[in-house]
Amino acid sequence: MNSLVISGVVVGLQPLRYTPAGIALLSFVLQHVSEQTEAGLKRKVECEVQAVALGDLAKSNIQLGLAIKAKGFLAKRSAKSTQLVLHIEQLQIEKLEANLKNI
């Protein structure tokens, strides 16, 4: 199983482009900050995740500073790369105030 659900704020955004097959593609960076419990101890977690949305999701008005919850799968950026990218299958826009309470 390869599934990831993460919430965060869009902190990097590339222009919308199209694949050779004509499919819309949007690449962006999602910044996540939360507090998690690990081995009974609270831990502050911060990370930035490279993400890509294709098709209708790429046209869903994703903007810098937008708080979102994304669900998708991880895959290598390319055949020769070891860098992982989140391929978004579902996207939900969240209220930024709710995210700030978790920081």
PDB file of N, CA and C in Angstrom:
ATOM      1  N   MET A   1       0.842  -1.176   0.000  1.00  0.00           N
ATOM      2  CA  MET A   1       0.000   0.000   0.000  1.00  0.00           C
ATOM      3  C   MET A   1       0.887   1.239   0.000  1.00  0.00           C
ATOM      4  N   ASN A   2       0.579   2.186  -0.840  1.00  0.00           N
ATOM      5  CA  ASN A   2       1.319   3.443  -0.949  1.00  0.00           C
ATOM      6  C   ASN A   2       0.288   4.561  -0.908  1.00  0.00           C
ATOM      7  N   SER A   3       0.061   5.104   0.290  1.00  0.00           N
ATOM      8  CA  SER A   3      -0.944   6.147   0.458  1.00  0.00           C
ATOM      9  C   SER A   3      -0.458   7.139   1.499  1.00  0.00           C
ATOM     10  N   LEU A   4      -0.664   8.422   1.223  1.00  0.00           N
ATOM     11  CA  LEU A   4      -0.235   9.472   2.140  1.00  0.00           C
ATOM     12  C   LEU A   4      -1.320  10.528   2.224  1.00  0.00           C
ATOM     13  N   VAL A   5      -1.652  10.942   3.453  1.00  0.00           N
ATOM     14  CA  VAL A   5      -2.560  12.059   3.682  1.00  0.00           C
ATOM     15  C   VAL A   5      -1.785  13.068   4.506  1.00  0.00           C
ATOM     16  N   ILE A   6      -1.741  14.318   4.044  1.00  0.00           N
ATOM     17  CA  ILE A   6      -0.987  15.355   4.739  1.00  0.00           C
ATOM     18  C   ILE A   6      -1.670  16.696   4.527  1.00  0.00           C
ATOM     19  N   SER A   7      -1.594  17.524   5.548  1.00  0.00           N
ATOM     20  CA  SER A   7      -2.123  18.881   5.417  1.00  0.00           C
ATOM     21  C   SER A   7      -0.966  19.855   5.538  1.00  0.00           C
ATOM     22  N   GLY A   8      -1.153  21.019   4.955  1.00  0.00           N
ATOM     23  CA  GLY A   8      -0.115  22.032   5.022  1.00  0.00           C
ATOM     24  C   GLY A   8      -0.480  23.245   4.201  1.00  0.00           C
ATOM     25  N   VAL A   9       0.506  24.104   4.040  1.00  0.00           N
ATOM     26  CA  VAL A   9       0.339  25.357   3.322  1.00  0.00           C
ATOM     27  C   VAL A   9       1.226  25.332   2.082  1.00  0.00           C
ATOM     28  N   VAL A  10       0.699  25.803   0.973  1.00  0.00           N
ATOM     29  CA  VAL A  10       1.461  25.883  -0.281  1.00  0.00           C
ATOM     30  C   VAL A  10       2.478  27.013  -0.152  1.00  0.00           C
ATOM     31  N   VAL A  11       3.773  26.668  -0.205  1.00  0.00           N
ATOM     32  CA  VAL A  11       4.833  27.666  -0.045  1.00  0.00           C
ATOM     33  C   VAL A  11       5.684  27.837  -1.306  1.00  0.00           C
ATOM     34  N   GLY A  12       5.474  27.008  -2.276  1.00  0.00           N
ATOM     35  CA  GLY A  12       6.171  27.116  -3.554  1.00  0.00           C
ATOM     36  C   GLY A  12       5.238  26.670  -4.653  1.00  0.00           C
ATOM     37  N   LEU A  13       5.257  27.366  -5.772  1.00  0.00           N
ATOM     38  CA  LEU A  13       4.297  27.069  -6.837  1.00  0.00           C
ATOM     39  C   LEU A  13       4.918  27.361  -8.194  1.00  0.00           C
ATOM     40  N   GLN A  14       4.914  26.377  -9.057  1.00  0.00           N
ATOM     41  CA  GLN A  14       5.400  26.567 -10.420  1.00  0.00           C
ATOM     42  C   GLN A  14       4.219  26.872 -11.333  1.00  0.00           C
ATOM     43  N   PRO A  15       4.470  27.495 -12.463  1.00  0.00           N
ATOM     44  CA  PRO A  15       3.369  27.783 -13.399  1.00  0.00           C
ATOM     45  C   PRO A  15       2.728  26.487 -13.917  1.00  0.00           C
ATOM     46  N   LEU A  16       1.436  26.557 -14.179  1.00  0.00           N
ATOM     47  CA  LEU A  16       0.711  25.436 -14.764  1.00  0.00           C
ATOM     48  C   LEU A  16       1.326  25.109 -16.116  1.00  0.00           C
ATOM     49  N   ARG A  17       1.559  23.821 -16.348  1.00  0.00           N
ATOM     50  CA  ARG A  17       2.088  23.396 -17.650  1.00  0.00           C
ATOM     51  C   ARG A  17       1.307  22.177 -18.117  1.00  0.00           C
ATOM     52  N   TYR A  18       1.635  21.695 -19.285  1.00  0.00           N
ATOM     53  CA  TYR A  18       0.913  20.564 -19.868  1.00  0.00           C
ATOM     54  C   TYR A  18       1.895  19.482 -20.296  1.00  0.00           C
ATOM     55  N   THR A  19       1.516  18.228 -20.086  1.00  0.00           N
ATOM     56  CA  THR A  19       2.333  17.099 -20.509  1.00  0.00           C
ATOM     57  C   THR A  19       2.266  17.005 -22.036  1.00  0.00           C
ATOM     58  N   PRO A  20       3.142  16.221 -22.651  1.00  0.00           N
ATOM     59  CA  PRO A  20       3.058  16.030 -24.105  1.00  0.00           C
ATOM     60  C   PRO A  20       1.697  15.473 -24.552  1.00  0.00           C
ATOM     61  N   ALA A  21       1.001  14.793 -23.644  1.00  0.00           N
ATOM     62  CA  ALA A  21      -0.324  14.256 -23.965  1.00  0.00           C
ATOM     63  C   ALA A  21      -1.429  15.298 -23.772  1.00  0.00           C
ATOM     64  N   GLY A  22      -1.051  16.512 -23.335  1.00  0.00           N
ATOM     65  CA  GLY A  22      -2.018  17.585 -23.164  1.00  0.00           C
ATOM     66  C   GLY A  22      -2.714  17.617 -21.818  1.00  0.00           C
ATOM     67  N   ILE A  23      -2.175  16.895 -20.833  1.00  0.00           N
ATOM     68  CA  ILE A  23      -2.768  16.862 -19.494  1.00  0.00           C
ATOM     69  C   ILE A  23      -2.167  17.988 -18.650  1.00  0.00           C
ATOM     70  N   ALA A  24      -3.029  18.760 -17.982  1.00  0.00           N
ATOM     71  CA  ALA A  24      -2.565  19.847 -17.113  1.00  0.00           C
ATOM     72  C   ALA A  24      -1.753  19.269 -15.956  1.00  0.00           C
ATOM     73  N   LEU A  25      -0.661  19.956 -15.602  1.00  0.00           N
ATOM     74  CA  LEU A  25       0.232  19.501 -14.538  1.00  0.00           C
ATOM     75  C   LEU A  25       0.672  20.703 -13.722  1.00  0.00           C
ATOM     76  N   LEU A  26       0.513  20.615 -12.410  1.00  0.00           N
ATOM     77  CA  LEU A  26       0.919  21.691 -11.513  1.00  0.00           C
ATOM     78  C   LEU A  26       1.827  21.128 -10.436  1.00  0.00           C
ATOM     79  N   SER A  27       3.027  21.679 -10.316  1.00  0.00           N
ATOM     80  CA  SER A  27       3.983  21.268  -9.291  1.00  0.00           C
ATOM     81  C   SER A  27       4.040  22.346  -8.218  1.00  0.00           C
ATOM     82  N   PHE A  28       4.061  21.906  -6.957  1.00  0.00           N
ATOM     83  CA  PHE A  28       4.150  22.870  -5.866  1.00  0.00           C
ATOM     84  C   PHE A  28       4.788  22.227  -4.644  1.00  0.00           C
ATOM     85  N   VAL A  29       5.088  23.042  -3.644  1.00  0.00           N
ATOM     86  CA  VAL A  29       5.688  22.581  -2.390  1.00  0.00           C
ATOM     87  C   VAL A  29       4.677  22.816  -1.277  1.00  0.00           C
ATOM     88  N   LEU A  30       4.451  21.779  -0.492  1.00  0.00           N
ATOM     89  CA  LEU A  30       3.523  21.829   0.634  1.00  0.00           C
ATOM     90  C   LEU A  30       4.329  21.789   1.924  1.00  0.00           C
ATOM     91  N   GLN A  31       4.158  22.807   2.773  1.00  0.00           N
ATOM     92  CA  GLN A  31       4.862  22.863   4.052  1.00  0.00           C
ATOM     93  C   GLN A  31       3.921  22.393   5.160  1.00  0.00           C
ATOM     94  N   HIS A  32       4.367  21.405   5.922  1.00  0.00           N
ATOM     95  CA  HIS A  32       3.567  20.818   6.999  1.00  0.00           C
ATOM     96  C   HIS A  32       4.240  21.105   8.337  1.00  0.00           C
ATOM     97  N   VAL A  33       3.443  21.535   9.323  1.00  0.00           N
ATOM     98  CA  VAL A  33       3.915  21.729  10.692  1.00  0.00           C
ATOM     99  C   VAL A  33       2.838  21.174  11.621  1.00  0.00           C
ATOM    100  N   SER A  34       3.236  20.299  12.533  1.00  0.00           N
ATOM    101  CA  SER A  34       2.269  19.751  13.490  1.00  0.00           C
ATOM    102  C   SER A  34       3.000  19.247  14.725  1.00  0.00           C
ATOM    103  N   GLU A  35       2.206  18.774  15.671  1.00  0.00           N
ATOM    104  CA  GLU A  35       2.749  18.116  16.851  1.00  0.00           C
ATOM    105  C   GLU A  35       2.230  16.686  16.842  1.00  0.00           C
ATOM    106  N   GLN A  36       3.135  15.727  16.921  1.00  0.00           N
ATOM    107  CA  GLN A  36       2.784  14.311  16.879  1.00  0.00           C
ATOM    108  C   GLN A  36       3.257  13.642  18.169  1.00  0.00           C
ATOM    109  N   THR A  37       2.634  12.529  18.497  1.00  0.00           N
ATOM    110  CA  THR A  37       3.066  11.739  19.648  1.00  0.00           C
ATOM    111  C   THR A  37       3.815  10.522  19.138  1.00  0.00           C
ATOM    112  N   GLU A  38       5.030  10.367  19.633  1.00  0.00           N
ATOM    113  CA  GLU A  38       5.880   9.242  19.230  1.00  0.00           C
ATOM    114  C   GLU A  38       6.469   8.618  20.488  1.00  0.00           C
ATOM    115  N   ALA A  39       6.238   7.336  20.672  1.00  0.00           N
ATOM    116  CA  ALA A  39       6.726   6.612  21.852  1.00  0.00           C
ATOM    117  C   ALA A  39       6.298   7.313  23.139  1.00  0.00           C
ATOM    118  N   GLY A  40       5.074   7.858  23.128  1.00  0.00           N
ATOM    119  CA  GLY A  40       4.539   8.505  24.313  1.00  0.00           C
ATOM    120  C   GLY A  40       5.012   9.934  24.534  1.00  0.00           C
ATOM    121  N   LEU A  41       5.856  10.443  23.655  1.00  0.00           N
ATOM    122  CA  LEU A  41       6.378  11.800  23.796  1.00  0.00           C
ATOM    123  C   LEU A  41       5.878  12.683  22.663  1.00  0.00           C
ATOM    124  N   LYS A  42       5.605  13.938  22.989  1.00  0.00           N
ATOM    125  CA  LYS A  42       5.174  14.885  21.963  1.00  0.00           C
ATOM    126  C   LYS A  42       6.385  15.374  21.188  1.00  0.00           C
ATOM    127  N   ARG A  43       6.193  15.507  19.886  1.00  0.00           N
ATOM    128  CA  ARG A  43       7.301  15.903  19.012  1.00  0.00           C
ATOM    129  C   ARG A  43       6.778  16.881  17.970  1.00  0.00           C
ATOM    130  N   LYS A  44       7.483  18.007  17.789  1.00  0.00           N
ATOM    131  CA  LYS A  44       7.114  18.957  16.751  1.00  0.00           C
ATOM    132  C   LYS A  44       7.663  18.436  15.428  1.00  0.00           C
ATOM    133  N   VAL A  45       6.795  18.395  14.432  1.00  0.00           N
ATOM    134  CA  VAL A  45       7.173  17.872  13.124  1.00  0.00           C
ATOM    135  C   VAL A  45       7.053  18.983  12.090  1.00  0.00           C
ATOM    136  N   GLU A  46       8.104  19.177  11.314  1.00  0.00           N
ATOM    137  CA  GLU A  46       8.099  20.146  10.227  1.00  0.00           C
ATOM    138  C   GLU A  46       8.714  19.494   8.999  1.00  0.00           C
ATOM    139  N   CYS A  47       8.071  19.677   7.851  1.00  0.00           N
ATOM    140  CA  CYS A  47       8.647  19.152   6.620  1.00  0.00           C
ATOM    141  C   CYS A  47       8.055  19.884   5.426  1.00  0.00           C
ATOM    142  N   GLU A  48       8.752  19.794   4.317  1.00  0.00           N
ATOM    143  CA  GLU A  48       8.254  20.307   3.047  1.00  0.00           C
ATOM    144  C   GLU A  48       8.188  19.134   2.081  1.00  0.00           C
ATOM    145  N   VAL A  49       7.056  19.014   1.398  1.00  0.00           N
ATOM    146  CA  VAL A  49       6.825  17.904   0.491  1.00  0.00           C
ATOM    147  C   VAL A  49       6.616  18.444  -0.914  1.00  0.00           C
ATOM    148  N   GLN A  50       7.374  17.905  -1.864  1.00  0.00           N
ATOM    149  CA  GLN A  50       7.152  18.229  -3.269  1.00  0.00           C
ATOM    150  C   GLN A  50       5.876  17.516  -3.695  1.00  0.00           C
ATOM    151  N   ALA A  51       4.997  18.230  -4.393  1.00  0.00           N
ATOM    152  CA  ALA A  51       3.723  17.636  -4.794  1.00  0.00           C
ATOM    153  C   ALA A  51       3.424  17.974  -6.249  1.00  0.00           C
ATOM    154  N   VAL A  52       2.602  17.124  -6.860  1.00  0.00           N
ATOM    155  CA  VAL A  52       2.182  17.353  -8.236  1.00  0.00           C
ATOM    156  C   VAL A  52       0.701  16.990  -8.341  1.00  0.00           C
ATOM    157  N   ALA A  53      -0.040  17.834  -9.053  1.00  0.00           N
ATOM    158  CA  ALA A  53      -1.453  17.583  -9.320  1.00  0.00           C
ATOM    159  C   ALA A  53      -1.630  17.555 -10.833  1.00  0.00           C
ATOM    160  N   LEU A  54      -2.402  16.596 -11.315  1.00  0.00           N
ATOM    161  CA  LEU A  54      -2.624  16.467 -12.748  1.00  0.00           C
ATOM    162  C   LEU A  54      -4.112  16.586 -13.080  1.00  0.00           C
ATOM    163  N   GLY A  55      -4.386  16.912 -14.327  1.00  0.00           N
ATOM    164  CA  GLY A  55      -5.766  16.974 -14.806  1.00  0.00           C
ATOM    165  C   GLY A  55      -6.548  18.082 -14.148  1.00  0.00           C
ATOM    166  N   ASP A  56      -7.801  17.775 -13.776  1.00  0.00           N
ATOM    167  CA  ASP A  56      -8.678  18.769 -13.158  1.00  0.00           C
ATOM    168  C   ASP A  56      -8.118  19.291 -11.837  1.00  0.00           C
ATOM    169  N   LEU A  57      -7.412  18.432 -11.079  1.00  0.00           N
ATOM    170  CA  LEU A  57      -6.827  18.891  -9.811  1.00  0.00           C
ATOM    171  C   LEU A  57      -5.788  19.976 -10.040  1.00  0.00           C
ATOM    172  N   ALA A  58      -5.082  19.921 -11.151  1.00  0.00           N
ATOM    173  CA  ALA A  58      -4.077  20.932 -11.468  1.00  0.00           C
ATOM    174  C   ALA A  58      -4.717  22.288 -11.726  1.00  0.00           C
ATOM    175  N   LYS A  59      -5.991  22.278 -12.078  1.00  0.00           N
ATOM    176  CA  LYS A  59      -6.711  23.517 -12.375  1.00  0.00           C
ATOM    177  C   LYS A  59      -7.592  23.952 -11.214  1.00  0.00           C
ATOM    178  N   SER A  60      -7.370  23.409 -10.018  1.00  0.00           N
ATOM    179  CA  SER A  60      -8.249  23.665  -8.876  1.00  0.00           C
ATOM    180  C   SER A  60      -7.893  24.916  -8.084  1.00  0.00           C
ATOM    181  N   ASN A  61      -7.280  25.875  -8.710  1.00  0.00           N
ATOM    182  CA  ASN A  61      -7.002  27.183  -8.106  1.00  0.00           C
ATOM    183  C   ASN A  61      -6.068  27.102  -6.900  1.00  0.00           C
ATOM    184  N   ILE A  62      -5.049  26.272  -6.977  1.00  0.00           N
ATOM    185  CA  ILE A  62      -4.048  26.186  -5.919  1.00  0.00           C
ATOM    186  C   ILE A  62      -3.190  27.447  -5.996  1.00  0.00           C
ATOM    187  N   GLN A  63      -3.023  28.110  -4.844  1.00  0.00           N
ATOM    188  CA  GLN A  63      -2.290  29.368  -4.780  1.00  0.00           C
ATOM    189  C   GLN A  63      -1.314  29.348  -3.624  1.00  0.00           C
ATOM    190  N   LEU A  64      -0.300  30.220  -3.694  1.00  0.00           N
ATOM    191  CA  LEU A  64       0.625  30.377  -2.579  1.00  0.00           C
ATOM    192  C   LEU A  64      -0.151  30.783  -1.329  1.00  0.00           C
ATOM    193  N   GLY A  65       0.198  30.199  -0.200  1.00  0.00           N
ATOM    194  CA  GLY A  65      -0.436  30.521   1.066  1.00  0.00           C
ATOM    195  C   GLY A  65      -1.715  29.764   1.343  1.00  0.00           C
ATOM    196  N   LEU A  66      -2.170  28.976   0.391  1.00  0.00           N
ATOM    197  CA  LEU A  66      -3.410  28.219   0.549  1.00  0.00           C
ATOM    198  C   LEU A  66      -3.173  27.010   1.447  1.00  0.00           C
ATOM    199  N   ALA A  67      -4.047  26.805   2.437  1.00  0.00           N
ATOM    200  CA  ALA A  67      -3.971  25.640   3.319  1.00  0.00           C
ATOM    201  C   ALA A  67      -4.792  24.521   2.694  1.00  0.00           C
ATOM    202  N   ILE A  68      -4.166  23.357   2.512  1.00  0.00           N
ATOM    203  CA  ILE A  68      -4.857  22.238   1.886  1.00  0.00           C
ATOM    204  C   ILE A  68      -4.606  20.938   2.650  1.00  0.00           C
ATOM    205  N   LYS A  69      -5.472  19.977   2.402  1.00  0.00           N
ATOM    206  CA  LYS A  69      -5.279  18.601   2.853  1.00  0.00           C
ATOM    207  C   LYS A  69      -5.220  17.771   1.582  1.00  0.00           C
ATOM    208  N   ALA A  70      -4.151  17.029   1.409  1.00  0.00           N
ATOM    209  CA  ALA A  70      -3.942  16.273   0.179  1.00  0.00           C
ATOM    210  C   ALA A  70      -3.817  14.787   0.481  1.00  0.00           C
ATOM    211  N   LYS A  71      -4.384  13.984  -0.407  1.00  0.00           N
ATOM    212  CA  LYS A  71      -4.259  12.530  -0.314  1.00  0.00           C
ATOM    213  C   LYS A  71      -3.738  12.048  -1.655  1.00  0.00           C
ATOM    214  N   GLY A  72      -2.751  11.148  -1.600  1.00  0.00           N
ATOM    215  CA  GLY A  72      -2.196  10.625  -2.835  1.00  0.00           C
ATOM    216  C   GLY A  72      -1.182   9.542  -2.566  1.00  0.00           C
ATOM    217  N   PHE A  73      -0.259   9.383  -3.501  1.00  0.00           N
ATOM    218  CA  PHE A  73       0.771   8.354  -3.373  1.00  0.00           C
ATOM    219  C   PHE A  73       2.137   8.959  -3.657  1.00  0.00           C
ATOM    220  N   LEU A  74       3.173   8.305  -3.162  1.00  0.00           N
ATOM    221  CA  LEU A  74       4.548   8.754  -3.378  1.00  0.00           C
ATOM    222  C   LEU A  74       5.177   7.996  -4.537  1.00  0.00           C
ATOM    223  N   ALA A  75       5.934   8.730  -5.346  1.00  0.00           N
ATOM    224  CA  ALA A  75       6.658   8.121  -6.459  1.00  0.00           C
ATOM    225  C   ALA A  75       7.953   8.902  -6.675  1.00  0.00           C
ATOM    226  N   LYS A  76       8.919   8.258  -7.320  1.00  0.00           N
ATOM    227  CA  LYS A  76      10.169   8.941  -7.646  1.00  0.00           C
ATOM    228  C   LYS A  76       9.890  10.054  -8.658  1.00  0.00           C
ATOM    229  N   ARG A  77      10.640  11.145  -8.544  1.00  0.00           N
ATOM    230  CA  ARG A  77      10.485  12.274  -9.458  1.00  0.00           C
ATOM    231  C   ARG A  77      10.695  11.830 -10.908  1.00  0.00           C
ATOM    232  N   SER A  78      11.663  10.958 -11.117  1.00  0.00           N
ATOM    233  CA  SER A  78      11.939  10.432 -12.459  1.00  0.00           C
ATOM    234  C   SER A  78      12.600   9.068 -12.303  1.00  0.00           C
ATOM    235  N   ALA A  79      12.812   8.405 -13.415  1.00  0.00           N
ATOM    236  CA  ALA A  79      13.396   7.056 -13.371  1.00  0.00           C
ATOM    237  C   ALA A  79      14.786   7.042 -12.730  1.00  0.00           C
ATOM    238  N   LYS A  80      15.559   8.114 -12.911  1.00  0.00           N
ATOM    239  CA  LYS A  80      16.921   8.160 -12.390  1.00  0.00           C
ATOM    240  C   LYS A  80      17.041   8.896 -11.060  1.00  0.00           C
ATOM    241  N   SER A  81      15.944   9.391 -10.512  1.00  0.00           N
ATOM    242  CA  SER A  81      15.955  10.177  -9.286  1.00  0.00           C
ATOM    243  C   SER A  81      15.548   9.321  -8.091  1.00  0.00           C
ATOM    244  N   THR A  82      16.059   9.682  -6.920  1.00  0.00           N
ATOM    245  CA  THR A  82      15.604   9.040  -5.689  1.00  0.00           C
ATOM    246  C   THR A  82      14.691   9.975  -4.894  1.00  0.00           C
ATOM    247  N   GLN A  83      14.522  11.205  -5.377  1.00  0.00           N
ATOM    248  CA  GLN A  83      13.661  12.177  -4.700  1.00  0.00           C
ATOM    249  C   GLN A  83      12.194  11.782  -4.866  1.00  0.00           C
ATOM    250  N   LEU A  84      11.446  11.820  -3.748  1.00  0.00           N
ATOM    251  CA  LEU A  84      10.034  11.448  -3.772  1.00  0.00           C
ATOM    252  C   LEU A  84       9.140  12.658  -4.010  1.00  0.00           C
ATOM    253  N   VAL A  85       8.035  12.432  -4.704  1.00  0.00           N
ATOM    254  CA  VAL A  85       7.038  13.458  -4.991  1.00  0.00           C
ATOM    255  C   VAL A  85       5.669  12.881  -4.639  1.00  0.00           C
ATOM    256  N   LEU A  86       4.840  13.695  -3.996  1.00  0.00           N
ATOM    257  CA  LEU A  86       3.463  13.306  -3.688  1.00  0.00           C
ATOM    258  C   LEU A  86       2.604  13.565  -4.921  1.00  0.00           C
ATOM    259  N   HIS A  87       2.004  12.526  -5.460  1.00  0.00           N
ATOM    260  CA  HIS A  87       1.074  12.643  -6.589  1.00  0.00           C
ATOM    261  C   HIS A  87      -0.331  12.712  -5.993  1.00  0.00           C
ATOM    262  N   ILE A  88      -0.951  13.856  -6.104  1.00  0.00           N
ATOM    263  CA  ILE A  88      -2.223  14.102  -5.429  1.00  0.00           C
ATOM    264  C   ILE A  88      -3.386  13.495  -6.207  1.00  0.00           C
ATOM    265  N   GLU A  89      -4.213  12.747  -5.466  1.00  0.00           N
ATOM    266  CA  GLU A  89      -5.425  12.149  -6.032  1.00  0.00           C
ATOM    267  C   GLU A  89      -6.689  12.828  -5.509  1.00  0.00           C
ATOM    268  N   GLN A  90      -6.614  13.360  -4.285  1.00  0.00           N
ATOM    269  CA  GLN A  90      -7.736  14.089  -3.686  1.00  0.00           C
ATOM    270  C   GLN A  90      -7.190  15.335  -3.006  1.00  0.00           C
ATOM    271  N   LEU A  91      -7.952  16.420  -3.083  1.00  0.00           N
ATOM    272  CA  LEU A  91      -7.499  17.698  -2.540  1.00  0.00           C
ATOM    273  C   LEU A  91      -8.662  18.388  -1.851  1.00  0.00           C
ATOM    274  N   GLN A  92      -8.392  18.892  -0.652  1.00  0.00           N
ATOM    275  CA  GLN A  92      -9.416  19.613   0.102  1.00  0.00           C
ATOM    276  C   GLN A  92      -8.803  20.913   0.607  1.00  0.00           C
ATOM    277  N   ILE A  93      -9.471  22.028   0.351  1.00  0.00           N
ATOM    278  CA  ILE A  93      -8.996  23.323   0.846  1.00  0.00           C
ATOM    279  C   ILE A  93      -9.446  23.455   2.288  1.00  0.00           C
ATOM    280  N   GLU A  94      -8.504  23.856   3.161  1.00  0.00           N
ATOM    281  CA  GLU A  94      -8.792  23.985   4.586  1.00  0.00           C
ATOM    282  C   GLU A  94      -8.719  25.449   4.987  1.00  0.00           C
ATOM    283  N   LYS A  95      -9.294  25.748   6.140  1.00  0.00           N
ATOM    284  CA  LYS A  95      -9.192  27.089   6.681  1.00  0.00           C
ATOM    285  C   LYS A  95      -7.813  27.251   7.292  1.00  0.00           C
ATOM    286  N   LEU A  96      -7.131  28.344   6.956  1.00  0.00           N
ATOM    287  CA  LEU A  96      -5.772  28.568   7.444  1.00  0.00           C
ATOM    288  C   LEU A  96      -5.771  28.715   8.959  1.00  0.00           C
ATOM    289  N   GLU A  97      -6.786  29.316   9.559  1.00  0.00           N
ATOM    290  CA  GLU A  97      -6.826  29.506  11.004  1.00  0.00           C
ATOM    291  C   GLU A  97      -6.738  28.169  11.732  1.00  0.00           C
ATOM    292  N   ALA A  98      -7.381  27.137  11.187  1.00  0.00           N
ATOM    293  CA  ALA A  98      -7.341  25.810  11.810  1.00  0.00           C
ATOM    294  C   ALA A  98      -5.915  25.273  11.808  1.00  0.00           C
ATOM    295  N   ASN A  99      -5.180  25.494  10.708  1.00  0.00           N
ATOM    296  CA  ASN A  99      -3.796  25.027  10.635  1.00  0.00           C
ATOM    297  C   ASN A  99      -2.905  25.785  11.610  1.00  0.00           C
ATOM    298  N   LEU A 100      -3.132  27.090  11.778  1.00  0.00           N
ATOM    299  CA  LEU A 100      -2.283  27.884  12.657  1.00  0.00           C
ATOM    300  C   LEU A 100      -2.418  27.433  14.107  1.00  0.00           C
ATOM    301  N   LYS A 101      -3.573  26.923  14.506  1.00  0.00           N
ATOM    302  CA  LYS A 101      -3.763  26.435  15.869  1.00  0.00           C
ATOM    303  C   LYS A 101      -2.897  25.203  16.136  1.00  0.00           C
ATOM    304  N   ASN A 102      -2.548  24.448  15.087  1.00  0.00           N
ATOM    305  CA  ASN A 102      -1.739  23.248  15.254  1.00  0.00           C
ATOM    306  C   ASN A 102      -0.254  23.547  15.305  1.00  0.00           C
ATOM    307  N   ILE A 103       0.124  24.775  14.998  1.00  0.00           N
ATOM    308  CA  ILE A 103       1.568  25.119  14.944  1.00  0.00           C
ATOM    309  C   ILE A 103       2.080  25.445  16.326  1.00  0.00           C
TER     310      ILE A 103
END
